[in-house]
PDB file of N, CA and C in Angstrom:
ATOM      1  N   GLN A   1      17.242   0.622   0.570  1.00  0.00           N
ATOM      2  CA  GLN A   1      15.859   0.033   0.002  1.00  0.00           C
ATOM      3  C   GLN A   1      15.955  -1.529   0.071  1.00  0.00           C
ATOM      4  N   THR A   2      14.835  -2.053   0.420  1.00  0.00           N
ATOM      5  CA  THR A   2      14.694  -3.474   0.472  1.00  0.00           C
ATOM      6  C   THR A   2      15.174  -4.357  -0.716  1.00  0.00           C
ATOM      7  N   ILE A   3      14.870  -3.623  -2.092  1.00  0.00           N
ATOM      8  CA  ILE A   3      15.394  -4.266  -3.240  1.00  0.00           C
ATOM      9  C   ILE A   3      16.881  -4.216  -3.473  1.00  0.00           C
ATOM     10  N   ASP A   4      17.553  -3.395  -2.722  1.00  0.00           N
ATOM     11  CA  ASP A   4      19.189  -3.353  -2.779  1.00  0.00           C
ATOM     12  C   ASP A   4      19.685  -4.169  -1.820  1.00  0.00           C
ATOM     13  N   ILE A   5      19.013  -4.827  -0.927  1.00  0.00           N
ATOM     14  CA  ILE A   5      19.785  -5.893   0.145  1.00  0.00           C
ATOM     15  C   ILE A   5      20.566  -6.859  -0.571  1.00  0.00           C
ATOM     16  N   LEU A   6      19.765  -7.674  -1.389  1.00  0.00           N
ATOM     17  CA  LEU A   6      20.509  -8.892  -2.005  1.00  0.00           C
ATOM     18  C   LEU A   6      21.692  -8.476  -3.043  1.00  0.00           C
ATOM     19  N   PRO A   7      21.686  -7.461  -3.636  1.00  0.00           N
ATOM     20  CA  PRO A   7      22.852  -7.078  -4.509  1.00  0.00           C
ATOM     21  C   PRO A   7      24.148  -6.622  -3.629  1.00  0.00           C
ATOM     22  N   THR A   8      23.709  -5.888  -2.427  1.00  0.00           N
ATOM     23  CA  THR A   8      24.636  -5.258  -1.781  1.00  0.00           C
ATOM     24  C   THR A   8      25.344  -6.347  -0.934  1.00  0.00           C
ATOM     25  N   LEU A   9      24.644  -7.348  -0.365  1.00  0.00           N
ATOM     26  CA  LEU A   9      25.125  -8.507   0.358  1.00  0.00           C
ATOM     27  C   LEU A   9      26.152  -9.233  -0.687  1.00  0.00           C
ATOM     28  N   ALA A  10      25.479  -9.471  -1.912  1.00  0.00           N
ATOM     29  CA  ALA A  10      26.459 -10.244  -2.772  1.00  0.00           C
ATOM     30  C   ALA A  10      27.759  -9.532  -3.042  1.00  0.00           C
ATOM     31  N   ASN A  11      27.656  -8.285  -3.156  1.00  0.00           N
ATOM     32  CA  ASN A  11      29.110  -7.626  -3.390  1.00  0.00           C
ATOM     33  C   ASN A  11      29.858  -7.722  -2.198  1.00  0.00           C
ATOM     34  N   LEU A  12      29.321  -7.561  -0.994  1.00  0.00           N
ATOM     35  CA  LEU A  12      30.143  -7.622   0.189  1.00  0.00           C
ATOM     36  C   LEU A  12      30.724  -8.967   0.355  1.00  0.00           C
ATOM     37  N   TYR A  13      30.191  -9.944  -0.031  1.00  0.00           N
ATOM     38  CA  TYR A  13      30.644 -11.361   0.143  1.00  0.00           C
ATOM     39  C   TYR A  13      31.415 -11.841  -1.196  1.00  0.00           C
ATOM     40  N   GLY A  14      31.474 -11.095  -2.075  1.00  0.00           N
ATOM     41  CA  GLY A  14      32.288 -11.353  -3.404  1.00  0.00           C
ATOM     42  C   GLY A  14      31.505 -12.546  -4.181  1.00  0.00           C
ATOM     43  N   LEU A  15      30.120 -12.233  -4.057  1.00  0.00           N
ATOM     44  CA  LEU A  15      29.426 -13.218  -4.971  1.00  0.00           C
ATOM     45  C   LEU A  15      29.096 -12.602  -6.276  1.00  0.00           C
ATOM     46  N   PRO A  16      28.695 -13.465  -7.295  1.00  0.00           N
ATOM     47  CA  PRO A  16      28.248 -12.758  -8.627  1.00  0.00           C
ATOM     48  C   PRO A  16      27.002 -11.845  -8.199  1.00  0.00           C
ATOM     49  N   GLU A  17      26.967 -10.853  -9.145  1.00  0.00           N
ATOM     50  CA  GLU A  17      25.706  -9.999  -9.042  1.00  0.00           C
ATOM     51  C   GLU A  17      24.385 -10.780  -9.429  1.00  0.00           C
ATOM     52  N   PRO A  18      23.479 -10.714  -8.531  1.00  0.00           N
ATOM     53  CA  PRO A  18      22.071 -11.361  -8.686  1.00  0.00           C
ATOM     54  C   PRO A  18      21.316 -10.789  -9.657  1.00  0.00           C
ATOM     55  N   ARG A  19      20.426 -11.410 -10.332  1.00  0.00           N
ATOM     56  CA  ARG A  19      19.431 -10.907 -11.360  1.00  0.00           C
ATOM     57  C   ARG A  19      18.336 -10.336 -10.582  1.00  0.00           C
ATOM     58  N   THR A  20      18.267  -9.169 -10.061  1.00  0.00           N
ATOM     59  CA  THR A  20      17.294  -8.729  -9.202  1.00  0.00           C
ATOM     60  C   THR A  20      16.950  -7.134  -9.648  1.00  0.00           C
ATOM     61  N   PRO A  21      15.996  -6.571  -9.470  1.00  0.00           N
ATOM     62  CA  PRO A  21      15.901  -5.162  -9.636  1.00  0.00           C
ATOM     63  C   PRO A  21      16.606  -4.264  -8.886  1.00  0.00           C
ATOM     64  N   GLY A  22      17.200  -4.768  -7.735  1.00  0.00           N
ATOM     65  CA  GLY A  22      17.868  -3.755  -6.847  1.00  0.00           C
ATOM     66  C   GLY A  22      19.407  -3.630  -7.251  1.00  0.00           C
ATOM     67  N   ARG A  23      19.884  -2.611  -6.714  1.00  0.00           N
ATOM     68  CA  ARG A  23      21.378  -2.188  -6.902  1.00  0.00           C
ATOM     69  C   ARG A  23      22.259  -2.409  -5.608  1.00  0.00           C
ATOM     70  N   ASP A  24      23.579  -2.482  -5.862  1.00  0.00           N
ATOM     71  CA  ASP A  24      24.530  -2.602  -4.884  1.00  0.00           C
ATOM     72  C   ASP A  24      24.656  -1.205  -4.370  1.00  0.00           C
ATOM     73  N   ALA A  25      24.330  -1.125  -3.017  1.00  0.00           N
ATOM     74  CA  ALA A  25      24.194   0.411  -2.447  1.00  0.00           C
ATOM     75  C   ALA A  25      25.760   0.894  -2.315  1.00  0.00           C
ATOM     76  N   PHE A  26      26.751   0.165  -2.481  1.00  0.00           N
ATOM     77  CA  PHE A  26      28.255   0.689  -2.555  1.00  0.00           C
ATOM     78  C   PHE A  26      28.672   0.968  -3.837  1.00  0.00           C
ATOM     79  N   ASP A  27      27.929   0.690  -4.820  1.00  0.00           N
ATOM     80  CA  ASP A  27      28.145   0.940  -6.221  1.00  0.00           C
ATOM     81  C   ASP A  27      28.547   2.496  -6.443  1.00  0.00           C
ATOM     82  N   PRO A  28      29.697   2.830  -6.938  1.00  0.00           N
ATOM     83  CA  PRO A  28      30.037   4.284  -6.890  1.00  0.00           C
ATOM     84  C   PRO A  28      29.096   4.954  -7.753  1.00  0.00           C
ATOM     85  N   THR A  29      28.461   4.423  -8.832  1.00  0.00           N
ATOM     86  CA  THR A  29      27.463   5.136  -9.698  1.00  0.00           C
ATOM     87  C   THR A  29      25.973   5.143  -9.003  1.00  0.00           C
ATOM     88  N   TYR A  30      25.954   4.534  -7.737  1.00  0.00           N
ATOM     89  CA  TYR A  30      24.593   4.582  -7.116  1.00  0.00           C
ATOM     90  C   TYR A  30      24.173   5.888  -6.904  1.00  0.00           C
ATOM     91  N   PRO A  31      22.945   6.250  -7.361  1.00  0.00           N
ATOM     92  CA  PRO A  31      22.577   7.698  -7.408  1.00  0.00           C
ATOM     93  C   PRO A  31      22.431   8.580  -5.905  1.00  0.00           C
ATOM     94  N   GLY A  32      22.444   7.809  -4.906  1.00  0.00           N
ATOM     95  CA  GLY A  32      22.465   8.481  -3.629  1.00  0.00           C
ATOM     96  C   GLY A  32      21.297   8.943  -3.151  1.00  0.00           C
ATOM     97  N   TRP A  33      20.268   8.244  -3.076  1.00  0.00           N
ATOM     98  CA  TRP A  33      18.936   8.761  -2.646  1.00  0.00           C
ATOM     99  C   TRP A  33      18.324   7.645  -1.637  1.00  0.00           C
ATOM    100  N   ALA A  34      17.427   8.093  -0.715  1.00  0.00           N
ATOM    101  CA  ALA A  34      16.776   7.143   0.129  1.00  0.00           C
ATOM    102  C   ALA A  34      15.271   7.568  -0.074  1.00  0.00           C
ATOM    103  N   VAL A  35      14.484   6.392  -0.069  1.00  0.00           N
ATOM    104  CA  VAL A  35      13.104   6.556  -0.361  1.00  0.00           C
ATOM    105  C   VAL A  35      12.477   5.764   0.901  1.00  0.00           C
ATOM    106  N   PHE A  36      11.545   6.363   1.686  1.00  0.00           N
ATOM    107  CA  PHE A  36      10.997   5.835   2.932  1.00  0.00           C
ATOM    108  C   PHE A  36       9.729   5.366   2.652  1.00  0.00           C
ATOM    109  N   PRO A  37       9.233   4.353   3.641  1.00  0.00           N
ATOM    110  CA  PRO A  37       7.980   3.642   3.339  1.00  0.00           C
ATOM    111  C   PRO A  37       6.858   4.598   3.062  1.00  0.00           C
ATOM    112  N   ASP A  38       6.685   5.826   3.673  1.00  0.00           N
ATOM    113  CA  ASP A  38       5.548   6.620   3.595  1.00  0.00           C
ATOM    114  C   ASP A  38       5.612   7.500   2.187  1.00  0.00           C
ATOM    115  N   GLY A  39       6.719   7.357   1.346  1.00  0.00           N
ATOM    116  CA  GLY A  39       6.781   7.889   0.072  1.00  0.00           C
ATOM    117  C   GLY A  39       7.723   9.170   0.276  1.00  0.00           C
ATOM    118  N   THR A  40       8.100   9.358   1.426  1.00  0.00           N
ATOM    119  CA  THR A  40       9.101  10.495   1.627  1.00  0.00           C
ATOM    120  C   THR A  40      10.490  10.170   0.883  1.00  0.00           C
ATOM    121  N   TRP A  41      11.164  11.173   0.308  1.00  0.00           N
ATOM    122  CA  TRP A  41      12.467  10.763  -0.268  1.00  0.00           C
ATOM    123  C   TRP A  41      13.445  11.829  -0.018  1.00  0.00           C
ATOM    124  N   LEU A  42      14.761  11.465  -0.129  1.00  0.00           N
ATOM    125  CA  LEU A  42      15.783  12.400   0.034  1.00  0.00           C
ATOM    126  C   LEU A  42      16.859  12.140  -0.943  1.00  0.00           C
ATOM    127  N   THR A  43      17.475  13.220  -1.572  1.00  0.00           N
ATOM    128  CA  THR A  43      18.626  13.079  -2.429  1.00  0.00           C
ATOM    129  C   THR A  43      19.648  14.175  -1.791  1.00  0.00           C
ATOM    130  N   ASP A  44      20.747  14.402  -2.395  1.00  0.00           N
ATOM    131  CA  ASP A  44      21.674  15.417  -2.031  1.00  0.00           C
ATOM    132  C   ASP A  44      21.148  16.637  -2.527  1.00  0.00           C
ATOM    133  N   LYS A  45      20.177  16.664  -3.412  1.00  0.00           N
ATOM    134  CA  LYS A  45      19.440  17.966  -3.979  1.00  0.00           C
ATOM    135  C   LYS A  45      18.010  18.373  -3.239  1.00  0.00           C
ATOM    136  N   ALA A  46      17.395  17.357  -2.820  1.00  0.00           N
ATOM    137  CA  ALA A  46      15.993  17.845  -2.345  1.00  0.00           C
ATOM    138  C   ALA A  46      15.542  16.744  -1.282  1.00  0.00           C
ATOM    139  N   TYR A  47      14.522  17.283  -0.434  1.00  0.00           N
ATOM    140  CA  TYR A  47      13.869  16.408   0.409  1.00  0.00           C
ATOM    141  C   TYR A  47      12.396  16.620   0.082  1.00  0.00           C
ATOM    142  N   VAL A  48      11.448  15.411   0.031  1.00  0.00           N
ATOM    143  CA  VAL A  48      10.176  15.691  -0.148  1.00  0.00           C
ATOM    144  C   VAL A  48       9.454  14.809   0.621  1.00  0.00           C
ATOM    145  N   LYS A  49       8.552  15.393   1.695  1.00  0.00           N
ATOM    146  CA  LYS A  49       7.810  14.728   2.567  1.00  0.00           C
ATOM    147  C   LYS A  49       6.416  14.860   2.329  1.00  0.00           C
ATOM    148  N   ASN A  50       5.828  13.565   2.185  1.00  0.00           N
ATOM    149  CA  ASN A  50       4.196  13.543   1.958  1.00  0.00           C
ATOM    150  C   ASN A  50       4.007  14.277   0.603  1.00  0.00           C
ATOM    151  N   GLY A  51       4.853  14.277  -0.314  1.00  0.00           N
ATOM    152  CA  GLY A  51       4.415  15.031  -1.442  1.00  0.00           C
ATOM    153  C   GLY A  51       4.898  16.412  -1.619  1.00  0.00           C
ATOM    154  N   ALA A  52       5.195  16.948  -0.366  1.00  0.00           N
ATOM    155  CA  ALA A  52       5.438  18.335  -0.356  1.00  0.00           C
ATOM    156  C   ALA A  52       6.973  18.579  -0.248  1.00  0.00           C
ATOM    157  N   VAL A  53       7.530  19.515  -1.080  1.00  0.00           N
ATOM    158  CA  VAL A  53       8.944  19.703  -1.106  1.00  0.00           C
ATOM    159  C   VAL A  53       9.220  20.529   0.046  1.00  0.00           C
ATOM    160  N   GLU A  54      10.196  19.985   0.975  1.00  0.00           N
ATOM    161  CA  GLU A  54      10.738  20.597   2.116  1.00  0.00           C
ATOM    162  C   GLU A  54      11.658  21.583   1.960  1.00  0.00           C
ATOM    163  N   TRP A  55      12.797  21.185   1.211  1.00  0.00           N
ATOM    164  CA  TRP A  55      13.813  21.995   0.587  1.00  0.00           C
ATOM    165  C   TRP A  55      14.339  21.311  -0.707  1.00  0.00           C
ATOM    166  N   ASN A  56      14.845  22.235  -1.621  1.00  0.00           N
ATOM    167  CA  ASN A  56      15.329  22.021  -2.897  1.00  0.00           C
ATOM    168  C   ASN A  56      16.294  22.800  -3.273  1.00  0.00           C
ATOM    169  N   HIS A  57      17.456  22.109  -3.743  1.00  0.00           N
ATOM    170  CA  HIS A  57      18.680  22.751  -3.971  1.00  0.00           C
ATOM    171  C   HIS A  57      19.213  22.511  -5.459  1.00  0.00           C
ATOM    172  N   GLY A  58      18.284  22.473  -6.309  1.00  0.00           N
ATOM    173  CA  GLY A  58      18.748  22.357  -7.867  1.00  0.00           C
ATOM    174  C   GLY A  58      17.975  21.337  -8.589  1.00  0.00           C
ATOM    175  N   MET A  59      16.736  20.765  -8.156  1.00  0.00           N
ATOM    176  CA  MET A  59      16.107  19.816  -8.810  1.00  0.00           C
ATOM    177  C   MET A  59      14.909  20.641  -9.441  1.00  0.00           C
ATOM    178  N   THR A  60      14.755  20.315 -10.752  1.00  0.00           N
ATOM    179  CA  THR A  60      13.710  20.749 -11.505  1.00  0.00           C
ATOM    180  C   THR A  60      12.191  20.401 -10.999  1.00  0.00           C
ATOM    181  N   GLU A  61      11.205  20.980 -11.363  1.00  0.00           N
ATOM    182  CA  GLU A  61       9.927  20.491 -11.040  1.00  0.00           C
ATOM    183  C   GLU A  61       9.814  19.092 -11.828  1.00  0.00           C
ATOM    184  N   GLU A  62      10.135  19.090 -13.122  1.00  0.00           N
ATOM    185  CA  GLU A  62      10.006  17.689 -13.651  1.00  0.00           C
ATOM    186  C   GLU A  62      10.888  16.480 -13.069  1.00  0.00           C
ATOM    187  N   GLU A  63      12.072  16.848 -12.549  1.00  0.00           N
ATOM    188  CA  GLU A  63      12.967  15.868 -11.807  1.00  0.00           C
ATOM    189  C   GLU A  63      12.213  15.496 -10.533  1.00  0.00           C
ATOM    190  N   ILE A  64      11.505  16.318  -9.816  1.00  0.00           N
ATOM    191  CA  ILE A  64      10.891  16.205  -8.640  1.00  0.00           C
ATOM    192  C   ILE A  64       9.689  15.311  -8.906  1.00  0.00           C
ATOM    193  N   ALA A  65       8.884  15.443 -10.027  1.00  0.00           N
ATOM    194  CA  ALA A  65       7.755  14.788 -10.284  1.00  0.00           C
ATOM    195  C   ALA A  65       8.231  13.230 -10.691  1.00  0.00           C
ATOM    196  N   GLN A  66       9.273  13.151 -11.506  1.00  0.00           N
ATOM    197  CA  GLN A  66      10.001  11.989 -11.837  1.00  0.00           C
ATOM    198  C   GLN A  66      10.445  11.053 -10.532  1.00  0.00           C
ATOM    199  N   MET A  67      10.913  11.766  -9.697  1.00  0.00           N
ATOM    200  CA  MET A  67      11.349  11.016  -8.372  1.00  0.00           C
ATOM    201  C   MET A  67      10.167  10.709  -7.677  1.00  0.00           C
ATOM    202  N   ASN A  68       9.171  11.548  -7.610  1.00  0.00           N
ATOM    203  CA  ASN A  68       7.957  11.063  -6.739  1.00  0.00           C
ATOM    204  C   ASN A  68       7.244   9.962  -7.281  1.00  0.00           C
ATOM    205  N   ALA A  69       7.095   9.712  -8.735  1.00  0.00           N
ATOM    206  CA  ALA A  69       6.566   8.610  -9.360  1.00  0.00           C
ATOM    207  C   ALA A  69       7.564   7.431  -9.066  1.00  0.00           C
ATOM    208  N   TYR A  70       8.935   7.674  -9.031  1.00  0.00           N
ATOM    209  CA  TYR A  70       9.817   6.534  -8.885  1.00  0.00           C
ATOM    210  C   TYR A  70       9.612   6.116  -7.343  1.00  0.00           C
ATOM    211  N   ALA A  71       9.494   7.008  -6.607  1.00  0.00           N
ATOM    212  CA  ALA A  71       9.313   6.602  -4.923  1.00  0.00           C
ATOM    213  C   ALA A  71       8.035   5.836  -4.822  1.00  0.00           C
ATOM    214  N   ARG A  72       6.764   6.116  -5.470  1.00  0.00           N
ATOM    215  CA  ARG A  72       5.665   5.334  -5.281  1.00  0.00           C
ATOM    216  C   ARG A  72       5.962   4.007  -5.990  1.00  0.00           C
ATOM    217  N   ARG A  73       6.540   3.917  -7.086  1.00  0.00           N
ATOM    218  CA  ARG A  73       6.744   2.599  -7.717  1.00  0.00           C
ATOM    219  C   ARG A  73       7.670   1.723  -6.802  1.00  0.00           C
ATOM    220  N   LEU A  74       8.840   2.187  -6.352  1.00  0.00           N
ATOM    221  CA  LEU A  74       9.732   1.713  -5.325  1.00  0.00           C
ATOM    222  C   LEU A  74       9.008   1.134  -4.261  1.00  0.00           C
ATOM    223  N   ALA A  75       8.076   1.819  -3.618  1.00  0.00           N
ATOM    224  CA  ALA A  75       7.314   1.539  -2.511  1.00  0.00           C
ATOM    225  C   ALA A  75       6.437   0.285  -2.817  1.00  0.00           C
ATOM    226  N   HIS A  76       5.893   0.263  -3.904  1.00  0.00           N
ATOM    227  CA  HIS A  76       4.993  -0.847  -4.307  1.00  0.00           C
ATOM    228  C   HIS A  76       5.931  -2.127  -4.543  1.00  0.00           C
ATOM    229  N   VAL A  77       7.090  -2.057  -5.292  1.00  0.00           N
ATOM    230  CA  VAL A  77       7.876  -3.167  -5.330  1.00  0.00           C
ATOM    231  C   VAL A  77       8.476  -3.679  -3.955  1.00  0.00           C
ATOM    232  N   GLY A  78       8.795  -2.778  -3.107  1.00  0.00           N
ATOM    233  CA  GLY A  78       9.263  -3.208  -1.860  1.00  0.00           C
ATOM    234  C   GLY A  78       8.325  -3.865  -1.062  1.00  0.00           C
ATOM    235  N   ASP A  79       6.953  -3.446  -1.102  1.00  0.00           N
ATOM    236  CA  ASP A  79       5.723  -3.989  -0.389  1.00  0.00           C
ATOM    237  C   ASP A  79       5.412  -5.453  -1.250  1.00  0.00           C
ATOM    238  N   ALA A  80       5.618  -5.553  -2.417  1.00  0.00           N
ATOM    239  CA  ALA A  80       5.469  -6.899  -3.034  1.00  0.00           C
ATOM    240  C   ALA A  80       6.584  -7.834  -2.771  1.00  0.00           C
ATOM    241  N   ILE A  81       7.777  -7.479  -2.571  1.00  0.00           N
ATOM    242  CA  ILE A  81       8.783  -8.271  -2.041  1.00  0.00           C
ATOM    243  C   ILE A  81       8.699  -8.920  -0.772  1.00  0.00           C
ATOM    244  N   LEU A  82       8.165  -7.968   0.119  1.00  0.00           N
ATOM    245  CA  LEU A  82       7.813  -8.465   1.533  1.00  0.00           C
ATOM    246  C   LEU A  82       6.714  -9.364   1.540  1.00  0.00           C
ATOM    247  N   ASP A  83       5.529  -8.967   0.809  1.00  0.00           N
ATOM    248  CA  ASP A  83       4.452  -9.780   0.835  1.00  0.00           C
ATOM    249  C   ASP A  83       4.337 -11.096   0.340  1.00  0.00           C
ATOM    250  N   THR A  84       5.380 -11.224  -0.906  1.00  0.00           N
ATOM    251  CA  THR A  84       5.470 -12.723  -1.562  1.00  0.00           C
ATOM    252  C   THR A  84       6.675 -13.271  -0.886  1.00  0.00           C
ATOM    253  N   ASP A  85       7.371 -12.854  -0.156  1.00  0.00           N
ATOM    254  CA  ASP A  85       8.591 -13.459   0.525  1.00  0.00           C
ATOM    255  C   ASP A  85       9.504 -13.925  -0.636  1.00  0.00           C
ATOM    256  N   TYR A  86       9.785 -12.834  -1.597  1.00  0.00           N
ATOM    257  CA  TYR A  86      10.369 -13.185  -2.919  1.00  0.00           C
ATOM    258  C   TYR A  86      11.768 -13.745  -2.762  1.00  0.00           C
ATOM    259  N   TYR A  87      12.650 -13.356  -1.776  1.00  0.00           N
ATOM    260  CA  TYR A  87      13.928 -13.909  -1.567  1.00  0.00           C
ATOM    261  C   TYR A  87      14.048 -15.232  -1.057  1.00  0.00           C
ATOM    262  N   ARG A  88      12.962 -15.725  -0.495  1.00  0.00           N
ATOM    263  CA  ARG A  88      12.991 -17.313   0.219  1.00  0.00           C
ATOM    264  C   ARG A  88      13.477 -18.126  -0.934  1.00  0.00           C
ATOM    265  N   GLY A  89      13.055 -18.128  -2.099  1.00  0.00           N
ATOM    266  CA  GLY A  89      13.574 -19.157  -2.916  1.00  0.00           C
ATOM    267  C   GLY A  89      14.695 -18.797  -3.783  1.00  0.00           C
ATOM    268  N   ARG A  90      15.325 -17.782  -3.597  1.00  0.00           N
ATOM    269  CA  ARG A  90      16.741 -17.238  -4.142  1.00  0.00           C
ATOM    270  C   ARG A  90      17.915 -17.980  -3.624  1.00  0.00           C
TER     271      ARG A  90
END
């Protein structure tokens, strides 16, 4: 994810963790999911494309709804980062 770039690079270069909304992608506690620009998302348990569940291996309907909402929010934040050139002044 775009918001994970800075924390991941900081980790790779041994720099202090920056104060950003993102997470280090190599952190062992990272949840292991991917959200794509069109809102499609993938975890180790489910794949949802354009809001439709393509396959599900253990997520509840509530968890899927929460992940759908998170994917929408993440896409919004990612767009805002790019639109405002957020990292330029960091």
